[in-house]
Protein backbone atom coordinates (compact mmCIF):
# COMPACT_ATOMS: atom_id res chain seq x y z
CA UNK A 1 -33.97 3.98 68.51
CA UNK A 2 -31.29 4.37 65.94
CA UNK A 3 -28.79 2.06 64.19
CA UNK A 4 -25.18 3.18 64.95
CA UNK A 5 -22.73 1.11 62.90
CA UNK A 6 -24.76 -1.94 63.33
CA UNK A 7 -25.89 -1.61 66.67
CA UNK A 8 -29.38 -0.60 67.87
CA UNK A 9 -29.04 1.98 70.55
CA UNK A 10 -31.23 4.82 72.24
CA UNK A 11 -31.43 7.94 70.07
CA UNK A 12 -30.45 10.22 73.01
CA UNK A 13 -27.21 8.22 73.49
CA UNK A 14 -25.79 9.52 70.23
CA UNK A 15 -25.29 13.33 69.97
CA UNK A 16 -24.87 13.15 66.17
CA UNK A 17 -28.54 12.23 65.55
CA UNK A 18 -29.84 15.75 65.47
CA UNK A 19 -26.63 17.77 65.07
CA UNK A 20 -26.64 20.00 62.25
CA UNK A 21 -23.05 20.62 61.52
CA UNK A 22 -22.96 16.53 61.16
CA UNK A 23 -26.13 16.44 59.09
CA UNK A 24 -25.83 19.41 56.85
CA UNK A 25 -22.45 21.01 57.23
CA UNK A 26 -24.38 23.54 59.14
CA UNK A 27 -21.44 25.21 60.97
CA UNK A 28 -18.69 27.49 60.69
CA UNK A 29 -15.10 27.44 62.32
CA UNK A 30 -11.85 29.19 63.04
CA UNK A 31 -8.51 27.62 63.71
CA UNK A 32 -6.15 29.82 66.03
CA UNK A 33 -2.87 29.87 67.24
CA UNK A 34 -2.01 30.54 70.84
CA UNK A 35 1.48 31.62 71.95
CA UNK A 36 2.41 32.31 75.57
CA UNK A 37 -1.21 32.71 76.64
CA UNK A 38 -2.10 34.86 73.81
CA UNK A 39 -4.42 34.40 70.69
CA UNK A 40 -2.44 35.56 67.49
CA UNK A 41 -4.42 37.81 65.36
CA UNK A 42 -7.30 37.63 67.71
CA UNK A 43 -9.37 40.64 66.32
CA UNK A 44 -8.99 39.30 62.77
CA UNK A 45 -10.34 35.86 63.75
CA UNK A 46 -13.00 37.31 65.85
CA UNK A 47 -14.37 39.58 63.16
CA UNK A 48 -14.03 36.74 60.44
CA UNK A 49 -16.19 34.49 62.65
CA UNK A 50 -18.77 37.00 63.22
CA UNK A 51 -18.92 37.74 59.41
CA UNK A 52 -19.13 34.05 58.60
CA UNK A 53 -22.12 33.54 61.16
CA UNK A 54 -24.01 36.47 59.43
CA UNK A 55 -23.34 35.08 56.01
CA UNK A 56 -25.13 31.93 56.82
CA UNK A 57 -27.75 33.69 59.09
CA UNK A 58 -26.89 32.28 62.47
CA UNK A 59 -27.94 34.39 65.41
CA UNK A 60 -24.98 35.72 67.19
CA UNK A 61 -25.48 35.54 71.01
CA UNK A 62 -25.34 38.77 73.06
CA UNK A 63 -22.40 37.68 75.23
CA UNK A 64 -20.46 36.36 72.26
CA UNK A 65 -17.97 39.38 72.32
CA UNK A 66 -14.29 39.40 71.41
CA UNK A 67 -13.34 39.22 75.05
CA UNK A 68 -15.77 36.27 75.56
CA UNK A 69 -14.36 34.39 72.53
CA UNK A 70 -10.81 35.04 74.07
CA UNK A 71 -11.57 34.05 77.46
CA UNK A 72 -13.19 30.73 76.45
CA UNK A 73 -10.24 29.63 74.20
CA UNK A 74 -7.57 30.66 76.64
CA UNK A 75 -9.38 29.09 79.70
CA UNK A 76 -9.18 25.65 77.79
CA UNK A 77 -5.66 25.75 76.95
CA UNK A 78 -4.64 26.85 80.26
CA UNK A 79 -6.78 24.08 81.80
CA UNK A 80 -4.84 21.55 79.46
CA UNK A 81 -1.39 23.13 80.32
CA UNK A 82 -0.66 23.97 76.72
CA UNK A 83 -0.86 27.91 76.73
CA UNK A 84 2.68 28.32 75.77
CA UNK A 85 1.98 26.92 72.26
CA UNK A 86 -1.33 25.53 71.03
CA UNK A 87 -3.71 25.04 68.27
CA UNK A 88 -7.14 25.67 68.88
CA UNK A 89 -10.38 25.34 66.99
CA UNK A 90 -13.68 26.86 67.70
CA UNK A 91 -16.85 25.27 65.83
CA UNK A 92 -19.92 27.24 65.81
CA UNK A 93 -23.05 25.28 64.83
CA UNK A 94 -26.90 26.04 64.37
CA UNK A 95 -28.88 24.06 67.10
CA UNK A 96 -30.81 20.97 66.61
CA UNK A 97 -34.11 20.94 64.92
CA UNK A 98 -35.49 21.05 61.23
CA UNK A 99 -34.36 19.48 57.97
CA UNK A 100 -32.78 21.88 55.58
CA UNK A 101 -34.91 24.60 57.02
CA UNK A 102 -33.60 24.87 60.47
CA UNK A 103 -36.21 25.46 63.55
CA UNK A 104 -33.85 27.97 64.98
CA UNK A 105 -30.89 30.15 64.15
CA UNK A 106 -29.59 29.97 67.77
CA UNK A 107 -26.20 28.47 67.84
CA UNK A 108 -23.77 26.31 70.26
CA UNK A 109 -19.99 26.10 70.02
CA UNK A 110 -17.32 23.61 70.58
CA UNK A 111 -13.78 24.32 71.36
CA UNK A 112 -10.83 21.86 71.21
CA UNK A 113 -7.08 22.42 71.40
CA UNK A 114 -3.88 20.43 71.00
CA UNK A 115 -0.16 21.43 71.72
CA UNK A 116 2.23 22.60 69.23
CA UNK A 117 5.86 21.93 69.26
CA UNK A 118 7.05 25.55 68.44
CA UNK A 119 5.66 28.91 69.55
CA UNK A 120 7.44 30.71 66.78
CA UNK A 121 7.04 30.21 63.22
CA UNK A 122 9.80 28.22 61.27
CA UNK A 123 10.23 28.14 57.82
CA UNK A 124 10.36 24.38 56.74
CA UNK A 125 12.94 23.92 53.96
CA UNK A 126 12.27 20.26 53.32
CA UNK A 127 11.06 19.06 49.97
CA UNK A 128 7.52 20.08 49.50
CA UNK A 129 5.89 18.91 46.15
CA UNK A 130 2.41 19.99 45.07
CA UNK A 131 0.17 19.57 41.87
CA UNK A 132 -3.14 20.43 40.67
CA UNK A 133 -6.36 18.84 42.03
CA UNK A 134 -8.82 18.72 39.22
CA UNK A 135 -11.45 16.18 40.36
CA UNK A 136 -13.67 18.93 41.93
CA UNK A 137 -13.53 22.83 41.68
CA UNK A 138 -14.14 25.65 44.09
CA UNK A 139 -17.01 27.80 43.09
CA UNK A 140 -16.35 31.69 42.93
CA UNK A 141 -19.03 32.75 45.57
CA UNK A 142 -18.95 34.39 48.99
CA UNK A 143 -19.51 30.95 50.88
CA UNK A 144 -15.99 29.84 49.63
CA UNK A 145 -14.41 32.83 51.30
CA UNK A 146 -15.54 31.65 54.78
CA UNK A 147 -14.64 28.53 56.79
CA UNK A 148 -17.69 26.18 56.82
CA UNK A 149 -17.69 22.62 58.02
CA UNK A 150 -18.26 21.48 54.41
CA UNK A 151 -14.74 20.63 53.63
CA UNK A 152 -15.21 17.64 51.18
CA UNK A 153 -12.93 19.31 48.27
CA UNK A 154 -10.02 19.67 50.97
CA UNK A 155 -10.66 16.01 52.30
CA UNK A 156 -10.73 14.39 48.86
CA UNK A 157 -7.90 16.49 47.65
CA UNK A 158 -5.91 15.36 50.71
CA UNK A 159 -6.36 11.80 49.86
CA UNK A 160 -5.36 12.29 46.38
CA UNK A 161 -2.19 14.14 47.52
CA UNK A 162 -1.34 11.24 49.91
CA UNK A 163 -2.01 8.76 47.12
CA UNK A 164 0.29 10.47 44.86
CA UNK A 165 3.20 11.27 47.17
CA UNK A 166 2.52 14.95 47.27
CA UNK A 167 2.68 17.29 50.23
CA UNK A 168 -0.20 19.35 49.05
CA UNK A 169 -2.35 20.09 46.16
CA UNK A 170 -3.43 23.37 44.27
CA UNK A 171 -7.32 24.00 44.08
CA UNK A 172 -8.86 25.59 40.86
CA UNK A 173 -12.20 27.37 40.68
CA UNK A 174 -15.03 27.03 38.13
CA UNK A 175 -13.04 28.90 35.40
CA UNK A 176 -10.03 26.84 35.97
CA UNK A 177 -7.92 29.58 37.48
CA UNK A 178 -5.84 28.84 40.57
CA UNK A 179 -7.63 29.61 43.99
CA UNK A 180 -5.65 28.28 46.96
CA UNK A 181 -3.90 25.05 48.40
CA UNK A 182 -5.77 22.51 50.55
CA UNK A 183 -4.75 24.01 53.80
CA UNK A 184 -4.20 27.71 53.09
CA UNK A 185 -3.72 30.55 50.53
CA UNK A 186 -1.19 30.46 47.86
CA UNK A 187 1.29 33.25 46.75
CA UNK A 188 3.43 33.38 43.75
CA UNK A 189 6.56 35.40 43.17
CA UNK A 190 7.54 36.28 39.68
CA UNK A 191 10.53 38.86 39.27
CA UNK A 192 9.73 41.64 41.73
CA UNK A 193 5.94 40.89 41.96
CA UNK A 194 4.30 38.88 44.80
CA UNK A 195 0.83 37.76 43.52
CA UNK A 196 -1.99 35.93 45.28
CA UNK A 197 -5.63 35.39 43.87
CA UNK A 198 -8.23 38.03 44.92
CA UNK A 199 -10.90 36.84 47.31
CA UNK A 200 -13.45 37.07 44.30
CA UNK A 201 -11.76 34.04 42.72
CA UNK A 202 -13.17 31.98 45.53
CA UNK A 203 -10.22 31.65 47.87
CA UNK A 204 -10.50 31.74 51.68
CA UNK A 205 -10.24 35.14 53.25
CA UNK A 206 -7.30 33.86 55.25
CA UNK A 207 -6.01 35.60 58.29
CA UNK A 208 -2.36 34.73 57.49
CA UNK A 209 -3.07 36.00 53.96
CA UNK A 210 -4.02 39.35 55.36
CA UNK A 211 -0.72 39.55 57.41
CA UNK A 212 1.62 38.58 54.70
CA UNK A 213 -0.07 40.98 52.17
CA UNK A 214 0.62 43.84 54.76
CA UNK A 215 4.28 42.67 55.59
CA UNK A 216 5.22 42.22 52.03
CA UNK A 217 4.23 45.84 51.23
CA UNK A 218 7.07 46.78 53.64
CA UNK A 219 9.61 44.87 51.64
CA UNK A 220 11.66 47.26 49.40
CA UNK A 221 11.31 46.56 45.68
CA UNK A 222 8.43 44.12 45.85
CA UNK A 223 5.26 44.83 44.13
CA UNK A 224 2.16 43.13 45.91
CA UNK A 225 -0.73 42.32 43.65
CA UNK A 226 -4.02 40.43 43.97
CA UNK A 227 -4.49 39.11 40.51
CA UNK A 228 -5.90 35.95 38.76
CA UNK A 229 -3.28 33.28 38.47
CA UNK A 230 -3.62 30.57 35.82
CA UNK A 231 -2.02 27.09 36.20
CA UNK A 232 0.23 28.11 33.31
CA UNK A 233 1.63 31.04 35.26
CA UNK A 234 2.83 28.72 38.13
CA UNK A 235 5.46 27.14 35.93
CA UNK A 236 6.87 30.56 35.17
CA UNK A 237 7.17 31.51 38.75
CA UNK A 238 10.43 32.00 40.75
CA UNK A 239 8.88 31.12 44.11
CA UNK A 240 5.52 29.66 45.51
CA UNK A 241 4.57 29.55 49.03
CA UNK A 242 1.35 28.72 50.96
CA UNK A 243 0.21 30.54 54.22
CA UNK A 244 -1.91 29.58 57.32
CA UNK A 245 -2.05 30.50 60.71
CA UNK A 246 -0.55 27.35 62.16
CA UNK A 247 2.39 26.99 59.78
CA UNK A 248 2.87 30.74 58.92
CA UNK A 249 4.63 30.26 55.52
CA UNK A 250 5.48 27.02 53.80
CA UNK A 251 7.67 27.24 50.92
CA UNK A 252 6.74 24.98 47.80
CA UNK A 253 9.80 23.37 46.43
CA UNK A 254 8.32 21.63 43.36
CA UNK A 255 5.51 21.76 40.99
CA UNK A 256 5.69 19.35 38.22
CA UNK A 257 8.95 19.56 36.68
CA UNK A 258 9.85 23.29 38.10
CA UNK A 259 11.53 23.68 41.23
CA UNK A 260 11.44 26.94 43.31
CA UNK A 261 13.51 29.23 45.55
CA UNK A 262 12.36 30.53 48.87
CA UNK A 263 14.14 34.02 49.05
CA UNK A 264 11.07 36.27 49.61
CA UNK A 265 9.42 33.51 51.87
CA UNK A 266 12.59 33.63 54.31
CA UNK A 267 12.27 37.39 54.57
CA UNK A 268 8.51 37.43 55.06
CA UNK A 269 8.93 34.63 57.78
CA UNK A 270 11.53 36.87 59.69
CA UNK A 271 9.07 39.84 59.50
CA UNK A 272 6.17 37.77 60.59
CA UNK A 273 8.09 36.69 63.67
CA UNK A 274 9.20 40.07 64.47
CA UNK A 275 5.74 41.60 64.15
CA UNK A 276 4.49 38.88 66.64
CA UNK A 277 7.23 39.70 69.14
CA UNK A 278 6.54 43.38 68.91
CA UNK A 279 2.94 42.80 69.88
């Protein structure tokens, strides 16, 4: 028997009792965008998921190929009738058993999906204000670069942003340098330079980050750099924007008293949509 929110019930009635993702954050995940029955950037998502599973020493099932991964996601969105434009998440977690030391490295997975309004990426030009989140810091280590089910910094940071009327917050690492935002990677434009923190600073190895770095290198006159960014650098920037697979690019309009343009963000968003349509 267990006590679940004040009610004594049989243990087997609650699947969370032994679930390691719930008990220990022993899980990794990928968030995907599906457009017209196709997973965008499928290969990047698949290999990042495989790399994440290896980092945390999960056993990768023999049948868990990229084709299997694709089939399972697309089958769900088709069954739900949302394959034209959908957000899907696959969470892989180690099977029940053990305390900190698991009894097995075998895994199970859960996929869920919801519909999205737009298939193409659209640059939202509404007011988007951010500030630093300094209650907790991201550590500069390999675990910070993968998507695990332990996202308490992002959760508490999101609450802080909501309480302070902000659209997002910028996360810092343990050396007080800029890492990313709560829901994606961060880019800064200063003059003709586009700069984003290197993975070694603790930022997520973002799938959209990779696309934007590649697209920006094709923009004439723009120098693309992966360099350390300090909070002081942000106030000297001409442009700030964040990236993730669901939104694409989101321009930041205000950080503290500084307001920003969105010139390069517009160019990159156009190139992003063009690259998707070509594929």
